């Protein structure tokens, strides 16, 4: 099956096909890496139950963040320069 756009040049089509081939190869590589990531062994145990400050000022231990069924955990990490 050959796809072409109205008025495209042979040079454009060749470049587009080359790009498509690279995009397909990239996607396959991303899938391969994702499969490797899923097969990684578990890491070490977390040494302590870290406590975070919630938006309302209350303190929430990390272990409590994973107990709400269907809940979503959002983590923001902000880094500032010393000044």
PDB file of N, CA and C in Angstrom:
ATOM      1  N   UNK A   1       0.851  -1.179   0.000  1.00  0.00           N
ATOM      2  CA  UNK A   1       0.000   0.000   0.000  1.00  0.00           C
ATOM      3  C   UNK A   1       0.888   1.231   0.000  1.00  0.00           C
ATOM      4  N   UNK A   2       0.626   2.131  -0.908  1.00  0.00           N
ATOM      5  CA  UNK A   2       1.417   3.351  -1.011  1.00  0.00           C
ATOM      6  C   UNK A   2       0.537   4.551  -0.702  1.00  0.00           C
ATOM      7  N   UNK A   3       0.989   5.358   0.232  1.00  0.00           N
ATOM      8  CA  UNK A   3       0.255   6.557   0.616  1.00  0.00           C
ATOM      9  C   UNK A   3       1.002   7.757   0.072  1.00  0.00           C
ATOM     10  N   UNK A   4       0.265   8.698  -0.461  1.00  0.00           N
ATOM     11  CA  UNK A   4       0.907   9.930  -0.915  1.00  0.00           C
ATOM     12  C   UNK A   4      -0.050  11.089  -0.696  1.00  0.00           C
ATOM     13  N   UNK A   5       0.547  12.255  -0.541  1.00  0.00           N
ATOM     14  CA  UNK A   5      -0.233  13.472  -0.376  1.00  0.00           C
ATOM     15  C   UNK A   5      -0.262  14.219  -1.701  1.00  0.00           C
ATOM     16  N   UNK A   6      -1.335  14.948  -1.981  1.00  0.00           N
ATOM     17  CA  UNK A   6      -1.408  15.692  -3.240  1.00  0.00           C
ATOM     18  C   UNK A   6      -0.228  16.658  -3.380  1.00  0.00           C
ATOM     19  N   UNK A   7       0.438  16.592  -4.500  1.00  0.00           N
ATOM     20  CA  UNK A   7       1.517  17.519  -4.803  1.00  0.00           C
ATOM     21  C   UNK A   7       2.841  17.218  -4.141  1.00  0.00           C
ATOM     22  N   UNK A   8       2.958  16.100  -3.439  1.00  0.00           N
ATOM     23  CA  UNK A   8       4.232  15.814  -2.786  1.00  0.00           C
ATOM     24  C   UNK A   8       5.270  15.385  -3.810  1.00  0.00           C
ATOM     25  N   UNK A   9       6.518  15.650  -3.487  1.00  0.00           N
ATOM     26  CA  UNK A   9       7.600  15.266  -4.382  1.00  0.00           C
ATOM     27  C   UNK A   9       8.103  13.881  -4.003  1.00  0.00           C
ATOM     28  N   UNK A  10       8.822  13.281  -4.929  1.00  0.00           N
ATOM     29  CA  UNK A  10       9.426  11.976  -4.658  1.00  0.00           C
ATOM     30  C   UNK A  10      10.443  12.109  -3.522  1.00  0.00           C
ATOM     31  N   UNK A  11      11.133  13.240  -3.471  1.00  0.00           N
ATOM     32  CA  UNK A  11      12.103  13.487  -2.407  1.00  0.00           C
ATOM     33  C   UNK A  11      11.409  13.528  -1.039  1.00  0.00           C
ATOM     34  N   UNK A  12      10.265  14.215  -0.965  1.00  0.00           N
ATOM     35  CA  UNK A  12       9.507  14.278   0.280  1.00  0.00           C
ATOM     36  C   UNK A  12       9.047  12.887   0.689  1.00  0.00           C
ATOM     37  N   UNK A  13       8.495  12.124  -0.248  1.00  0.00           N
ATOM     38  CA  UNK A  13       7.971  10.794   0.068  1.00  0.00           C
ATOM     39  C   UNK A  13       9.081   9.890   0.582  1.00  0.00           C
ATOM     40  N   UNK A  14      10.265   9.956  -0.052  1.00  0.00           N
ATOM     41  CA  UNK A  14      11.387   9.128   0.389  1.00  0.00           C
ATOM     42  C   UNK A  14      11.809   9.522   1.804  1.00  0.00           C
ATOM     43  N   UNK A  15      11.882  10.830   2.071  1.00  0.00           N
ATOM     44  CA  UNK A  15      12.262  11.302   3.401  1.00  0.00           C
ATOM     45  C   UNK A  15      11.208  10.907   4.423  1.00  0.00           C
ATOM     46  N   UNK A  16       9.939  10.988   4.065  1.00  0.00           N
ATOM     47  CA  UNK A  16       8.850  10.630   4.980  1.00  0.00           C
ATOM     48  C   UNK A  16       8.876   9.140   5.298  1.00  0.00           C
ATOM     49  N   UNK A  17       9.144   8.311   4.296  1.00  0.00           N
ATOM     50  CA  UNK A  17       9.219   6.863   4.519  1.00  0.00           C
ATOM     51  C   UNK A  17      10.414   6.519   5.411  1.00  0.00           C
ATOM     52  N   UNK A  18      11.551   7.202   5.192  1.00  0.00           N
ATOM     53  CA  UNK A  18      12.727   6.963   6.034  1.00  0.00           C
ATOM     54  C   UNK A  18      12.423   7.354   7.475  1.00  0.00           C
ATOM     55  N   UNK A  19      11.746   8.490   7.664  1.00  0.00           N
ATOM     56  CA  UNK A  19      11.379   8.928   9.004  1.00  0.00           C
ATOM     57  C   UNK A  19      10.416   7.935   9.645  1.00  0.00           C
ATOM     58  N   UNK A  20       9.455   7.458   8.904  1.00  0.00           N
ATOM     59  CA  UNK A  20       8.495   6.485   9.421  1.00  0.00           C
ATOM     60  C   UNK A  20       9.207   5.212   9.879  1.00  0.00           C
ATOM     61  N   UNK A  21      10.170   4.763   9.094  1.00  0.00           N
ATOM     62  CA  UNK A  21      10.936   3.572   9.472  1.00  0.00           C
ATOM     63  C   UNK A  21      11.680   3.797  10.776  1.00  0.00           C
ATOM     64  N   UNK A  22      12.264   4.971  10.948  1.00  0.00           N
ATOM     65  CA  UNK A  22      12.969   5.301  12.193  1.00  0.00           C
ATOM     66  C   UNK A  22      11.996   5.394  13.370  1.00  0.00           C
ATOM     67  N   UNK A  23      10.821   5.960  13.136  1.00  0.00           N
ATOM     68  CA  UNK A  23       9.818   6.059  14.199  1.00  0.00           C
ATOM     69  C   UNK A  23       9.348   4.673  14.639  1.00  0.00           C
ATOM     70  N   UNK A  24       9.173   3.780  13.703  1.00  0.00           N
ATOM     71  CA  UNK A  24       8.764   2.411  14.020  1.00  0.00           C
ATOM     72  C   UNK A  24       9.864   1.717  14.820  1.00  0.00           C
ATOM     73  N   UNK A  25      11.112   1.875  14.405  1.00  0.00           N
ATOM     74  CA  UNK A  25      12.234   1.267  15.125  1.00  0.00           C
ATOM     75  C   UNK A  25      12.339   1.839  16.539  1.00  0.00           C
ATOM     76  N   UNK A  26      12.125   3.148  16.675  1.00  0.00           N
ATOM     77  CA  UNK A  26      12.164   3.772  17.996  1.00  0.00           C
ATOM     78  C   UNK A  26      11.079   3.198  18.898  1.00  0.00           C
ATOM     79  N   UNK A  27       9.885   3.078  18.378  1.00  0.00           N
ATOM     80  CA  UNK A  27       8.774   2.542  19.171  1.00  0.00           C
ATOM     81  C   UNK A  27       9.054   1.102  19.601  1.00  0.00           C
ATOM     82  N   UNK A  28       9.621   0.313  18.703  1.00  0.00           N
ATOM     83  CA  UNK A  28       9.958  -1.068  19.045  1.00  0.00           C
ATOM     84  C   UNK A  28      11.016  -1.099  20.151  1.00  0.00           C
ATOM     85  N   UNK A  29      11.976  -0.177  20.085  1.00  0.00           N
ATOM     86  CA  UNK A  29      13.011  -0.127  21.115  1.00  0.00           C
ATOM     87  C   UNK A  29      12.407   0.297  22.455  1.00  0.00           C
ATOM     88  N   UNK A  30      11.507   1.275  22.434  1.00  0.00           N
ATOM     89  CA  UNK A  30      10.843   1.711  23.666  1.00  0.00           C
ATOM     90  C   UNK A  30      10.080   0.537  24.281  1.00  0.00           C
ATOM     91  N   UNK A  31       9.398  -0.242  23.476  1.00  0.00           N
ATOM     92  CA  UNK A  31       8.665  -1.408  23.972  1.00  0.00           C
ATOM     93  C   UNK A  31       9.619  -2.450  24.571  1.00  0.00           C
ATOM     94  N   UNK A  32      10.772  -2.642  23.929  1.00  0.00           N
ATOM     95  CA  UNK A  32      11.757  -3.595  24.430  1.00  0.00           C
ATOM     96  C   UNK A  32      12.271  -3.146  25.799  1.00  0.00           C
ATOM     97  N   UNK A  33      12.590  -1.863  25.932  1.00  0.00           N
ATOM     98  CA  UNK A  33      13.080  -1.334  27.208  1.00  0.00           C
ATOM     99  C   UNK A  33      11.992  -1.437  28.281  1.00  0.00           C
ATOM    100  N   UNK A  34      10.746  -1.156  27.914  1.00  0.00           N
ATOM    101  CA  UNK A  34       9.640  -1.255  28.871  1.00  0.00           C
ATOM    102  C   UNK A  34       9.488  -2.692  29.365  1.00  0.00           C
ATOM    103  N   UNK A  35       9.648  -3.662  28.484  1.00  0.00           N
ATOM    104  CA  UNK A  35       9.558  -5.072  28.882  1.00  0.00           C
ATOM    105  C   UNK A  35      10.691  -5.418  29.849  1.00  0.00           C
ATOM    106  N   UNK A  36      11.889  -4.901  29.584  1.00  0.00           N
ATOM    107  CA  UNK A  36      13.008  -5.138  30.496  1.00  0.00           C
ATOM    108  C   UNK A  36      12.733  -4.509  31.858  1.00  0.00           C
ATOM    109  N   UNK A  37      12.156  -3.314  31.856  1.00  0.00           N
ATOM    110  CA  UNK A  37      11.834  -2.626  33.112  1.00  0.00           C
ATOM    111  C   UNK A  37      10.835  -3.439  33.927  1.00  0.00           C
ATOM    112  N   UNK A  38       9.824  -3.996  33.264  1.00  0.00           N
ATOM    113  CA  UNK A  38       8.817  -4.782  33.968  1.00  0.00           C
ATOM    114  C   UNK A  38       9.401  -6.056  34.573  1.00  0.00           C
ATOM    115  N   UNK A  39      10.498  -6.563  34.009  1.00  0.00           N
ATOM    116  CA  UNK A  39      11.103  -7.800  34.497  1.00  0.00           C
ATOM    117  C   UNK A  39      12.190  -7.548  35.548  1.00  0.00           C
ATOM    118  N   UNK A  40      12.413  -6.298  35.897  1.00  0.00           N
ATOM    119  CA  UNK A  40      13.414  -5.988  36.920  1.00  0.00           C
ATOM    120  C   UNK A  40      12.999  -6.603  38.254  1.00  0.00           C
ATOM    121  N   UNK A  41      13.968  -7.122  39.011  1.00  0.00           N
ATOM    122  CA  UNK A  41      13.630  -7.630  40.345  1.00  0.00           C
ATOM    123  C   UNK A  41      13.260  -6.466  41.250  1.00  0.00           C
ATOM    124  N   UNK A  42      12.556  -6.779  42.337  1.00  0.00           N
ATOM    125  CA  UNK A  42      12.186  -5.742  43.284  1.00  0.00           C
ATOM    126  C   UNK A  42      13.438  -5.155  43.915  1.00  0.00           C
ATOM    127  N   UNK A  43      13.364  -3.880  44.236  1.00  0.00           N
ATOM    128  CA  UNK A  43      14.485  -3.218  44.895  1.00  0.00           C
ATOM    129  C   UNK A  43      14.449  -3.492  46.387  1.00  0.00           C
ATOM    130  N   UNK A  44      15.254  -2.765  47.124  1.00  0.00           N
ATOM    131  CA  UNK A  44      15.316  -2.955  48.562  1.00  0.00           C
ATOM    132  C   UNK A  44      14.087  -2.389  49.254  1.00  0.00           C
ATOM    133  N   UNK A  45      13.940  -2.776  50.493  1.00  0.00           N
ATOM    134  CA  UNK A  45      12.843  -2.272  51.310  1.00  0.00           C
ATOM    135  C   UNK A  45      13.104  -0.805  51.646  1.00  0.00           C
ATOM    136  N   UNK A  46      12.047  -0.037  51.738  1.00  0.00           N
ATOM    137  CA  UNK A  46      12.168   1.357  52.162  1.00  0.00           C
ATOM    138  C   UNK A  46      12.498   1.326  53.654  1.00  0.00           C
ATOM    139  N   UNK A  47      13.593   1.980  54.075  1.00  0.00           N
ATOM    140  CA  UNK A  47      14.054   1.826  55.452  1.00  0.00           C
ATOM    141  C   UNK A  47      13.159   2.471  56.508  1.00  0.00           C
ATOM    142  N   UNK A  48      12.356   3.413  56.126  1.00  0.00           N
ATOM    143  CA  UNK A  48      11.497   4.077  57.101  1.00  0.00           C
ATOM    144  C   UNK A  48      10.199   4.506  56.435  1.00  0.00           C
ATOM    145  N   UNK A  49       9.175   4.686  57.207  1.00  0.00           N
ATOM    146  CA  UNK A  49       7.889   5.135  56.662  1.00  0.00           C
ATOM    147  C   UNK A  49       7.923   6.665  56.607  1.00  0.00           C
ATOM    148  N   UNK A  50       8.405   7.190  55.488  1.00  0.00           N
ATOM    149  CA  UNK A  50       8.551   8.634  55.341  1.00  0.00           C
ATOM    150  C   UNK A  50       7.220   9.337  55.567  1.00  0.00           C
ATOM    151  N   UNK A  51       7.289  10.526  56.127  1.00  0.00           N
ATOM    152  CA  UNK A  51       6.088  11.307  56.408  1.00  0.00           C
ATOM    153  C   UNK A  51       6.121  12.564  55.545  1.00  0.00           C
ATOM    154  N   UNK A  52       5.009  12.824  54.867  1.00  0.00           N
ATOM    155  CA  UNK A  52       4.877  13.983  53.991  1.00  0.00           C
ATOM    156  C   UNK A  52       3.851  14.947  54.566  1.00  0.00           C
ATOM    157  N   UNK A  53       3.960  16.194  54.178  1.00  0.00           N
ATOM    158  CA  UNK A  53       2.998  17.199  54.601  1.00  0.00           C
ATOM    159  C   UNK A  53       1.969  17.365  53.491  1.00  0.00           C
ATOM    160  N   UNK A  54       0.701  17.139  53.825  1.00  0.00           N
ATOM    161  CA  UNK A  54      -0.383  17.268  52.859  1.00  0.00           C
ATOM    162  C   UNK A  54      -0.698  18.740  52.622  1.00  0.00           C
ATOM    163  N   UNK A  55      -1.503  19.015  51.618  1.00  0.00           N
ATOM    164  CA  UNK A  55      -1.865  20.399  51.286  1.00  0.00           C
ATOM    165  C   UNK A  55      -2.554  21.110  52.432  1.00  0.00           C
ATOM    166  N   UNK A  56      -3.271  20.364  53.252  1.00  0.00           N
ATOM    167  CA  UNK A  56      -3.977  20.988  54.376  1.00  0.00           C
ATOM    168  C   UNK A  56      -3.089  21.119  55.616  1.00  0.00           C
ATOM    169  N   UNK A  57      -1.820  20.746  55.499  1.00  0.00           N
ATOM    170  CA  UNK A  57      -0.888  20.874  56.612  1.00  0.00           C
ATOM    171  C   UNK A  57      -0.773  19.629  57.474  1.00  0.00           C
ATOM    172  N   UNK A  58      -1.638  18.663  57.260  1.00  0.00           N
ATOM    173  CA  UNK A  58      -1.561  17.430  58.049  1.00  0.00           C
ATOM    174  C   UNK A  58      -0.377  16.593  57.562  1.00  0.00           C
ATOM    175  N   UNK A  59       0.041  15.649  58.386  1.00  0.00           N
ATOM    176  CA  UNK A  59       1.162  14.782  58.042  1.00  0.00           C
ATOM    177  C   UNK A  59       0.645  13.411  57.637  1.00  0.00           C
ATOM    178  N   UNK A  60       1.152  12.901  56.540  1.00  0.00           N
ATOM    179  CA  UNK A  60       0.681  11.642  55.982  1.00  0.00           C
ATOM    180  C   UNK A  60       1.878  10.715  55.768  1.00  0.00           C
ATOM    181  N   UNK A  61       1.865   9.533  56.384  1.00  0.00           N
ATOM    182  CA  UNK A  61       2.963   8.592  56.140  1.00  0.00           C
ATOM    183  C   UNK A  61       2.849   7.985  54.734  1.00  0.00           C
ATOM    184  N   UNK A  62       3.986   7.648  54.177  1.00  0.00           N
ATOM    185  CA  UNK A  62       4.008   7.083  52.830  1.00  0.00           C
ATOM    186  C   UNK A  62       3.129   5.835  52.737  1.00  0.00           C
ATOM    187  N   UNK A  63       3.131   5.008  53.776  1.00  0.00           N
ATOM    188  CA  UNK A  63       2.350   3.769  53.736  1.00  0.00           C
ATOM    189  C   UNK A  63       0.857   4.041  53.570  1.00  0.00           C
ATOM    190  N   UNK A  64       0.374   5.189  54.038  1.00  0.00           N
ATOM    191  CA  UNK A  64      -1.047   5.523  53.921  1.00  0.00           C
ATOM    192  C   UNK A  64      -1.418   5.971  52.509  1.00  0.00           C
ATOM    193  N   UNK A  65      -0.431   6.334  51.721  1.00  0.00           N
ATOM    194  CA  UNK A  65      -0.714   6.831  50.368  1.00  0.00           C
ATOM    195  C   UNK A  65      -1.086   5.716  49.400  1.00  0.00           C
ATOM    196  N   UNK A  66      -0.845   4.489  49.763  1.00  0.00           N
ATOM    197  CA  UNK A  66      -1.101   3.370  48.858  1.00  0.00           C
ATOM    198  C   UNK A  66      -2.249   2.498  49.325  1.00  0.00           C
ATOM    199  N   UNK A  67      -3.073   2.998  50.230  1.00  0.00           N
ATOM    200  CA  UNK A  67      -4.156   2.171  50.766  1.00  0.00           C
ATOM    201  C   UNK A  67      -5.519   2.490  50.174  1.00  0.00           C
ATOM    202  N   UNK A  68      -5.674   3.620  49.525  1.00  0.00           N
ATOM    203  CA  UNK A  68      -6.965   4.024  48.959  1.00  0.00           C
ATOM    204  C   UNK A  68      -7.156   3.324  47.610  1.00  0.00           C
ATOM    205  N   UNK A  69      -8.128   2.409  47.509  1.00  0.00           N
ATOM    206  CA  UNK A  69      -8.341   1.704  46.240  1.00  0.00           C
ATOM    207  C   UNK A  69      -8.714   2.676  45.117  1.00  0.00           C
ATOM    208  N   UNK A  70      -8.023   2.573  44.026  1.00  0.00           N
ATOM    209  CA  UNK A  70      -8.322   3.417  42.872  1.00  0.00           C
ATOM    210  C   UNK A  70      -7.828   4.843  43.031  1.00  0.00           C
ATOM    211  N   UNK A  71      -7.131   5.124  44.119  1.00  0.00           N
ATOM    212  CA  UNK A  71      -6.609   6.471  44.340  1.00  0.00           C
ATOM    213  C   UNK A  71      -5.403   6.746  43.459  1.00  0.00           C
ATOM    214  N   UNK A  72      -5.109   7.996  43.288  1.00  0.00           N
ATOM    215  CA  UNK A  72      -3.963   8.396  42.496  1.00  0.00           C
ATOM    216  C   UNK A  72      -2.966   9.093  43.394  1.00  0.00           C
ATOM    217  N   UNK A  73      -1.719   8.691  43.300  1.00  0.00           N
ATOM    218  CA  UNK A  73      -0.664   9.305  44.083  1.00  0.00           C
ATOM    219  C   UNK A  73       0.054  10.306  43.192  1.00  0.00           C
ATOM    220  N   UNK A  74       0.068  11.554  43.616  1.00  0.00           N
ATOM    221  CA  UNK A  74       0.784  12.588  42.874  1.00  0.00           C
ATOM    222  C   UNK A  74       1.918  13.109  43.728  1.00  0.00           C
ATOM    223  N   UNK A  75       3.111  13.138  43.180  1.00  0.00           N
ATOM    224  CA  UNK A  75       4.269  13.622  43.925  1.00  0.00           C
ATOM    225  C   UNK A  75       4.881  14.784  43.162  1.00  0.00           C
ATOM    226  N   UNK A  76       5.092  15.860  43.871  1.00  0.00           N
ATOM    227  CA  UNK A  76       5.751  17.022  43.295  1.00  0.00           C
ATOM    228  C   UNK A  76       7.101  17.176  43.974  1.00  0.00           C
ATOM    229  N   UNK A  77       8.107  17.373  43.198  1.00  0.00           N
ATOM    230  CA  UNK A  77       9.441  17.576  43.742  1.00  0.00           C
ATOM    231  C   UNK A  77       9.939  18.933  43.237  1.00  0.00           C
ATOM    232  N   UNK A  78      10.165  19.840  44.147  1.00  0.00           N
ATOM    233  CA  UNK A  78      10.629  21.164  43.765  1.00  0.00           C
ATOM    234  C   UNK A  78      12.046  21.361  44.247  1.00  0.00           C
ATOM    235  N   UNK A  79      12.867  21.913  43.402  1.00  0.00           N
ATOM    236  CA  UNK A  79      14.256  22.185  43.784  1.00  0.00           C
ATOM    237  C   UNK A  79      14.524  23.660  43.509  1.00  0.00           C
ATOM    238  N   UNK A  80      15.117  24.310  44.480  1.00  0.00           N
ATOM    239  CA  UNK A  80      15.426  25.736  44.359  1.00  0.00           C
ATOM    240  C   UNK A  80      16.933  25.936  44.505  1.00  0.00           C
ATOM    241  N   UNK A  81      17.406  26.975  43.874  1.00  0.00           N
ATOM    242  CA  UNK A  81      18.814  27.354  44.053  1.00  0.00           C
ATOM    243  C   UNK A  81      18.996  27.898  45.465  1.00  0.00           C
ATOM    244  N   UNK A  82      20.216  27.872  45.983  1.00  0.00           N
ATOM    245  CA  UNK A  82      20.432  28.357  47.358  1.00  0.00           C
ATOM    246  C   UNK A  82      19.975  29.805  47.590  1.00  0.00           C
ATOM    247  N   UNK A  83      20.039  30.633  46.540  1.00  0.00           N
ATOM    248  CA  UNK A  83      19.632  32.028  46.745  1.00  0.00           C
ATOM    249  C   UNK A  83      18.133  32.188  46.552  1.00  0.00           C
TER     250      UNK A  83
END
